[in-house]
Amino acid sequence: MYRLNLFSQKVLFILALVFVGIKPNAFSQDLVPSDSLAKVLINKEAEMFHIVLTGDKVAAEKMIGQDYITINADGVMENKIEMMKTFGKFKGATTTLSNKKIRVYGNLAIITGGASFYIKSIMAAKIFYTETWVYRDHQWYFIGWQGTMTGLPTYYPIIFTVLGIILLYFVIRLIVKKIRKPKFAMA
């Protein structure tokens, strides 16, 4: 049988200790951020929503990373350059956020939650979202957005029903007019 010399045994023992001591820590990032980091990220998210909902393009350029990518609830995927061409389309809207969860993986943070968007107090959309933030150059950059519609707002079926009834009324009225139209007799 092959026997290890004393030096090899010590090296293997040290390697085993290092592996046992480091390996669990290598894969257990701070999933739950510290209170101070959570506050920073919540403030960055609030700032991001403020910038988007006020259409502040200058502030957006500073906050959004060059590697930004978005997949919106309408299925459109854009990079930063493409998104900035239409930036401001949500100006004037308001939002309420819910079910926020923050996870941190080293210098990467992921915020998930729900958002309801309103235009003049009328719900325009309700979504689930995922934001990606990266810490580099001593600041947090917004580098990713993905939104998924959670369904139509509850009042949409009522609107479609009312519009359907109005359309049906006009179609019936047109048919009745055609039927009642007097026919000219030929003399």
C-alpha atoms as a PDB file:
ATOM      1  CA  MET A   1       0.000   0.000   0.000  1.00  0.00           C
ATOM      2  CA  TYR A   2       0.992   3.544  -0.621  1.00  0.00           C
ATOM      3  CA  ARG A   3       1.709   5.538   2.544  1.00  0.00           C
ATOM      4  CA  LEU A   4       1.913   9.287   2.735  1.00  0.00           C
ATOM      5  CA  ASN A   5       4.928  10.808   4.388  1.00  0.00           C
ATOM      6  CA  LEU A   6       4.423  13.115   7.364  1.00  0.00           C
ATOM      7  CA  PHE A   7       4.745  16.294   5.246  1.00  0.00           C
ATOM      8  CA  SER A   8       2.081  15.105   2.775  1.00  0.00           C
ATOM      9  CA  GLN A   9      -0.239  14.205   5.635  1.00  0.00           C
ATOM     10  CA  LYS A  10       0.114  17.698   7.125  1.00  0.00           C
ATOM     11  CA  VAL A  11      -0.526  19.343   3.736  1.00  0.00           C
ATOM     12  CA  LEU A  12      -3.643  17.219   3.184  1.00  0.00           C
ATOM     13  CA  PHE A  13      -4.849  17.995   6.710  1.00  0.00           C
ATOM     14  CA  ILE A  14      -4.412  21.739   6.152  1.00  0.00           C
ATOM     15  CA  LEU A  15      -6.123  21.531   2.761  1.00  0.00           C
ATOM     16  CA  ALA A  16      -9.028  19.633   4.348  1.00  0.00           C
ATOM     17  CA  LEU A  17      -9.370  22.311   7.041  1.00  0.00           C
ATOM     18  CA  VAL A  18      -9.276  25.083   4.466  1.00  0.00           C
ATOM     19  CA  PHE A  19     -11.823  23.286   2.273  1.00  0.00           C
ATOM     20  CA  VAL A  20     -14.158  22.632   5.208  1.00  0.00           C
ATOM     21  CA  GLY A  21     -13.779  26.199   6.493  1.00  0.00           C
ATOM     22  CA  ILE A  22     -14.070  28.029   3.167  1.00  0.00           C
ATOM     23  CA  LYS A  23     -16.429  25.961   1.048  1.00  0.00           C
ATOM     24  CA  PRO A  24     -19.606  26.564   3.098  1.00  0.00           C
ATOM     25  CA  ASN A  25     -18.892  30.302   3.155  1.00  0.00           C
ATOM     26  CA  ALA A  26     -18.241  30.465  -0.589  1.00  0.00           C
ATOM     27  CA  PHE A  27     -21.815  29.516  -1.382  1.00  0.00           C
ATOM     28  CA  SER A  28     -23.625  31.226   1.469  1.00  0.00           C
ATOM     29  CA  GLN A  29     -23.717  34.846   0.382  1.00  0.00           C
ATOM     30  CA  ASP A  30     -25.700  37.386   2.366  1.00  0.00           C
ATOM     31  CA  LEU A  31     -29.113  36.433   1.026  1.00  0.00           C
ATOM     32  CA  VAL A  32     -30.692  38.682   3.619  1.00  0.00           C
ATOM     33  CA  PRO A  33     -28.944  42.066   3.685  1.00  0.00           C
ATOM     34  CA  SER A  34     -28.035  43.909   6.841  1.00  0.00           C
ATOM     35  CA  ASP A  35     -30.540  46.541   7.973  1.00  0.00           C
ATOM     36  CA  SER A  36     -28.298  49.369   6.764  1.00  0.00           C
ATOM     37  CA  LEU A  37     -27.808  47.786   3.323  1.00  0.00           C
ATOM     38  CA  ALA A  38     -31.535  47.050   3.055  1.00  0.00           C
ATOM     39  CA  LYS A  39     -32.252  50.744   3.771  1.00  0.00           C
ATOM     40  CA  VAL A  40     -29.750  51.834   1.113  1.00  0.00           C
ATOM     41  CA  LEU A  41     -31.319  49.518  -1.470  1.00  0.00           C
ATOM     42  CA  ILE A  42     -34.879  50.547  -0.557  1.00  0.00           C
ATOM     43  CA  ASN A  43     -33.835  54.193  -0.947  1.00  0.00           C
ATOM     44  CA  LYS A  44     -32.183  53.449  -4.311  1.00  0.00           C
ATOM     45  CA  GLU A  45     -35.357  51.710  -5.468  1.00  0.00           C
ATOM     46  CA  ALA A  46     -37.502  54.649  -4.323  1.00  0.00           C
ATOM     47  CA  GLU A  47     -35.132  57.020  -6.131  1.00  0.00           C
ATOM     48  CA  MET A  48     -35.360  54.872  -9.285  1.00  0.00           C
ATOM     49  CA  PHE A  49     -39.179  54.907  -9.247  1.00  0.00           C
ATOM     50  CA  HIS A  50     -39.142  58.680  -8.641  1.00  0.00           C
ATOM     51  CA  ILE A  51     -36.791  59.206 -11.593  1.00  0.00           C
ATOM     52  CA  VAL A  52     -38.912  57.028 -13.893  1.00  0.00           C
ATOM     53  CA  LEU A  53     -42.257  58.497 -12.811  1.00  0.00           C
ATOM     54  CA  THR A  54     -41.024  62.100 -13.097  1.00  0.00           C
ATOM     55  CA  GLY A  55     -39.161  61.489 -16.357  1.00  0.00           C
ATOM     56  CA  ASP A  56     -35.846  62.801 -14.990  1.00  0.00           C
ATOM     57  CA  LYS A  57     -33.586  61.718 -17.860  1.00  0.00           C
ATOM     58  CA  VAL A  58     -30.397  63.287 -16.428  1.00  0.00           C
ATOM     59  CA  ALA A  59     -30.749  61.414 -13.131  1.00  0.00           C
ATOM     60  CA  ALA A  60     -31.622  58.211 -15.020  1.00  0.00           C
ATOM     61  CA  GLU A  61     -28.406  58.420 -17.042  1.00  0.00           C
ATOM     62  CA  LYS A  62     -26.427  58.554 -13.777  1.00  0.00           C
ATOM     63  CA  MET A  63     -28.306  55.743 -12.002  1.00  0.00           C
ATOM     64  CA  ILE A  64     -28.776  53.242 -14.828  1.00  0.00           C
ATOM     65  CA  GLY A  65     -25.720  51.153 -15.694  1.00  0.00           C
ATOM     66  CA  GLN A  66     -24.418  50.870 -19.255  1.00  0.00           C
ATOM     67  CA  ASP A  67     -25.144  47.124 -19.127  1.00  0.00           C
ATOM     68  CA  TYR A  68     -28.848  47.707 -18.297  1.00  0.00           C
ATOM     69  CA  ILE A  69     -31.415  45.380 -19.832  1.00  0.00           C
ATOM     70  CA  THR A  70     -35.177  45.472 -19.432  1.00  0.00           C
ATOM     71  CA  ILE A  71     -37.925  43.025 -20.252  1.00  0.00           C
ATOM     72  CA  ASN A  72     -41.143  44.913 -19.725  1.00  0.00           C
ATOM     73  CA  ALA A  73     -44.556  43.511 -18.869  1.00  0.00           C
ATOM     74  CA  ASP A  74     -45.602  44.069 -22.502  1.00  0.00           C
ATOM     75  CA  GLY A  75     -42.876  41.671 -23.680  1.00  0.00           C
ATOM     76  CA  VAL A  76     -40.515  44.328 -25.056  1.00  0.00           C
ATOM     77  CA  MET A  77     -36.797  43.796 -24.381  1.00  0.00           C
ATOM     78  CA  GLU A  78     -34.455  46.795 -24.568  1.00  0.00           C
ATOM     79  CA  ASN A  79     -30.949  47.827 -23.590  1.00  0.00           C
ATOM     80  CA  LYS A  80     -30.172  51.190 -21.997  1.00  0.00           C
ATOM     81  CA  ILE A  81     -29.808  53.054 -25.299  1.00  0.00           C
ATOM     82  CA  GLU A  82     -33.143  51.779 -26.625  1.00  0.00           C
ATOM     83  CA  MET A  83     -34.941  52.407 -23.339  1.00  0.00           C
ATOM     84  CA  MET A  84     -33.610  55.962 -23.027  1.00  0.00           C
ATOM     85  CA  LYS A  85     -35.133  56.840 -26.433  1.00  0.00           C
ATOM     86  CA  THR A  86     -38.609  56.448 -24.946  1.00  0.00           C
ATOM     87  CA  PHE A  87     -37.738  57.422 -21.378  1.00  0.00           C
ATOM     88  CA  GLY A  88     -40.429  59.589 -19.851  1.00  0.00           C
ATOM     89  CA  LYS A  89     -43.431  57.626 -21.105  1.00  0.00           C
ATOM     90  CA  PHE A  90     -44.437  56.918 -17.479  1.00  0.00           C
ATOM     91  CA  LYS A  91     -44.163  60.576 -16.455  1.00  0.00           C
ATOM     92  CA  GLY A  92     -47.052  61.539 -14.203  1.00  0.00           C
ATOM     93  CA  ALA A  93     -47.977  58.001 -13.188  1.00  0.00           C
ATOM     94  CA  THR A  94     -47.883  56.881  -9.571  1.00  0.00           C
ATOM     95  CA  THR A  95     -47.215  53.497  -8.057  1.00  0.00           C
ATOM     96  CA  THR A  96     -47.739  51.470  -4.930  1.00  0.00           C
ATOM     97  CA  LEU A  97     -45.324  48.672  -4.113  1.00  0.00           C
ATOM     98  CA  SER A  98     -45.970  45.452  -2.233  1.00  0.00           C
ATOM     99  CA  ASN A  99     -44.398  42.139  -1.233  1.00  0.00           C
ATOM    100  CA  LYS A 100     -40.849  43.488  -1.469  1.00  0.00           C
ATOM    101  CA  LYS A 101     -38.013  41.011  -0.986  1.00  0.00           C
ATOM    102  CA  ILE A 102     -34.315  41.927  -1.124  1.00  0.00           C
ATOM    103  CA  ARG A 103     -31.512  39.423  -1.661  1.00  0.00           C
ATOM    104  CA  VAL A 104     -27.816  40.233  -1.855  1.00  0.00           C
ATOM    105  CA  TYR A 105     -25.081  38.175  -3.501  1.00  0.00           C
ATOM    106  CA  GLY A 106     -21.811  40.001  -2.889  1.00  0.00           C
ATOM    107  CA  ASN A 107     -21.958  43.169  -5.002  1.00  0.00           C
ATOM    108  CA  LEU A 108     -25.234  42.122  -6.701  1.00  0.00           C
ATOM    109  CA  ALA A 109     -28.681  42.827  -5.238  1.00  0.00           C
ATOM    110  CA  ILE A 110     -32.028  41.558  -6.478  1.00  0.00           C
ATOM    111  CA  ILE A 111     -35.265  43.194  -5.409  1.00  0.00           C
ATOM    112  CA  THR A 112     -38.561  41.485  -6.194  1.00  0.00           C
ATOM    113  CA  GLY A 113     -42.081  42.593  -5.455  1.00  0.00           C
ATOM    114  CA  GLY A 114     -45.396  43.733  -6.787  1.00  0.00           C
ATOM    115  CA  ALA A 115     -46.356  47.123  -8.198  1.00  0.00           C
ATOM    116  CA  SER A 116     -49.622  48.757  -9.120  1.00  0.00           C
ATOM    117  CA  PHE A 117     -49.334  51.684 -11.545  1.00  0.00           C
ATOM    118  CA  TYR A 118     -51.922  54.438 -11.628  1.00  0.00           C
ATOM    119  CA  ILE A 119     -52.652  57.244 -14.042  1.00  0.00           C
ATOM    120  CA  LYS A 120     -54.728  59.921 -12.331  1.00  0.00           C
ATOM    121  CA  SER A 121     -55.796  57.412  -9.648  1.00  0.00           C
ATOM    122  CA  ILE A 122     -57.011  54.878 -12.260  1.00  0.00           C
ATOM    123  CA  MET A 123     -55.110  51.599 -12.153  1.00  0.00           C
ATOM    124  CA  ALA A 124     -53.306  51.124 -15.451  1.00  0.00           C
ATOM    125  CA  ALA A 125     -51.328  47.972 -14.653  1.00  0.00           C
ATOM    126  CA  LYS A 126     -50.528  45.530 -11.893  1.00  0.00           C
ATOM    127  CA  ILE A 127     -47.263  43.613 -12.164  1.00  0.00           C
ATOM    128  CA  PHE A 128     -44.695  41.491 -10.417  1.00  0.00           C
ATOM    129  CA  TYR A 129     -41.176  42.813 -10.932  1.00  0.00           C
ATOM    130  CA  THR A 130     -37.532  41.902 -10.520  1.00  0.00           C
ATOM    131  CA  GLU A 131     -34.868  44.597 -10.288  1.00  0.00           C
ATOM    132  CA  THR A 132     -31.140  43.936 -10.490  1.00  0.00           C
ATOM    133  CA  TRP A 133     -28.608  46.284  -8.893  1.00  0.00           C
ATOM    134  CA  VAL A 134     -24.819  46.063  -8.939  1.00  0.00           C
ATOM    135  CA  TYR A 135     -22.375  47.861  -6.646  1.00  0.00           C
ATOM    136  CA  ARG A 136     -19.367  49.193  -8.530  1.00  0.00           C
ATOM    137  CA  ASP A 137     -17.347  52.394  -8.541  1.00  0.00           C
ATOM    138  CA  HIS A 138     -18.612  53.068  -4.989  1.00  0.00           C
ATOM    139  CA  GLN A 139     -22.306  53.245  -5.905  1.00  0.00           C
ATOM    140  CA  TRP A 140     -25.314  51.080  -6.718  1.00  0.00           C
ATOM    141  CA  TYR A 141     -26.285  50.963 -10.415  1.00  0.00           C
ATOM    142  CA  PHE A 142     -29.672  49.847 -11.681  1.00  0.00           C
ATOM    143  CA  ILE A 143     -28.856  47.235 -14.356  1.00  0.00           C
ATOM    144  CA  GLY A 144     -31.969  45.148 -14.844  1.00  0.00           C
ATOM    145  CA  TRP A 145     -35.753  45.186 -14.841  1.00  0.00           C
ATOM    146  CA  GLN A 146     -38.230  42.449 -15.608  1.00  0.00           C
ATOM    147  CA  GLY A 147     -41.959  42.964 -15.199  1.00  0.00           C
ATOM    148  CA  THR A 148     -44.788  40.471 -15.559  1.00  0.00           C
ATOM    149  CA  MET A 149     -48.454  41.447 -15.729  1.00  0.00           C
ATOM    150  CA  THR A 150     -50.503  39.788 -13.010  1.00  0.00           C
ATOM    151  CA  GLY A 151     -53.691  40.174 -15.009  1.00  0.00           C
ATOM    152  CA  LEU A 152     -55.945  42.985 -16.042  1.00  0.00           C
ATOM    153  CA  PRO A 153     -57.123  45.410 -13.391  1.00  0.00           C
ATOM    154  CA  THR A 154     -60.435  44.259 -11.931  1.00  0.00           C
ATOM    155  CA  TYR A 155     -62.467  47.041 -13.556  1.00  0.00           C
ATOM    156  CA  TYR A 156     -61.387  46.176 -17.137  1.00  0.00           C
ATOM    157  CA  PRO A 157     -64.114  43.527 -17.637  1.00  0.00           C
ATOM    158  CA  ILE A 158     -66.710  46.128 -16.638  1.00  0.00           C
ATOM    159  CA  ILE A 159     -65.347  48.584 -19.211  1.00  0.00           C
ATOM    160  CA  PHE A 160     -65.335  45.924 -21.943  1.00  0.00           C
ATOM    161  CA  THR A 161     -68.903  44.893 -21.047  1.00  0.00           C
ATOM    162  CA  VAL A 162     -70.152  48.500 -21.192  1.00  0.00           C
ATOM    163  CA  LEU A 163     -68.376  49.083 -24.523  1.00  0.00           C
ATOM    164  CA  GLY A 164     -69.874  45.846 -25.867  1.00  0.00           C
ATOM    165  CA  ILE A 165     -73.372  46.895 -24.846  1.00  0.00           C
ATOM    166  CA  ILE A 166     -72.933  50.321 -26.462  1.00  0.00           C
ATOM    167  CA  LEU A 167     -71.626  48.736 -29.663  1.00  0.00           C
ATOM    168  CA  LEU A 168     -74.529  46.239 -29.686  1.00  0.00           C
ATOM    169  CA  TYR A 169     -77.000  49.128 -29.228  1.00  0.00           C
ATOM    170  CA  PHE A 170     -75.627  50.945 -32.279  1.00  0.00           C
ATOM    171  CA  VAL A 171     -75.601  47.795 -34.409  1.00  0.00           C
ATOM    172  CA  ILE A 172     -79.249  47.046 -33.515  1.00  0.00           C
ATOM    173  CA  ARG A 173     -80.217  50.660 -34.148  1.00  0.00           C
ATOM    174  CA  LEU A 174     -78.556  50.535 -37.588  1.00  0.00           C
ATOM    175  CA  ILE A 175     -80.372  47.291 -38.467  1.00  0.00           C
ATOM    176  CA  VAL A 176     -83.743  48.693 -37.330  1.00  0.00           C
ATOM    177  CA  LYS A 177     -83.155  51.827 -39.440  1.00  0.00           C
ATOM    178  CA  LYS A 178     -82.435  49.698 -42.493  1.00  0.00           C
ATOM    179  CA  ILE A 179     -85.591  47.626 -41.946  1.00  0.00           C
ATOM    180  CA  ARG A 180     -87.863  50.684 -41.416  1.00  0.00           C
ATOM    181  CA  LYS A 181     -86.495  52.583 -44.375  1.00  0.00           C
ATOM    182  CA  PRO A 182     -89.467  53.244 -46.717  1.00  0.00           C
ATOM    183  CA  LYS A 183     -89.285  51.711 -50.118  1.00  0.00           C
ATOM    184  CA  PHE A 184     -90.175  53.915 -52.995  1.00  0.00           C
ATOM    185  CA  ALA A 185     -92.892  52.535 -55.217  1.00  0.00           C
ATOM    186  CA  MET A 186     -92.440  52.694 -58.921  1.00  0.00           C
ATOM    187  CA  ALA A 187     -95.294  54.333 -60.770  1.00  0.00           C
END
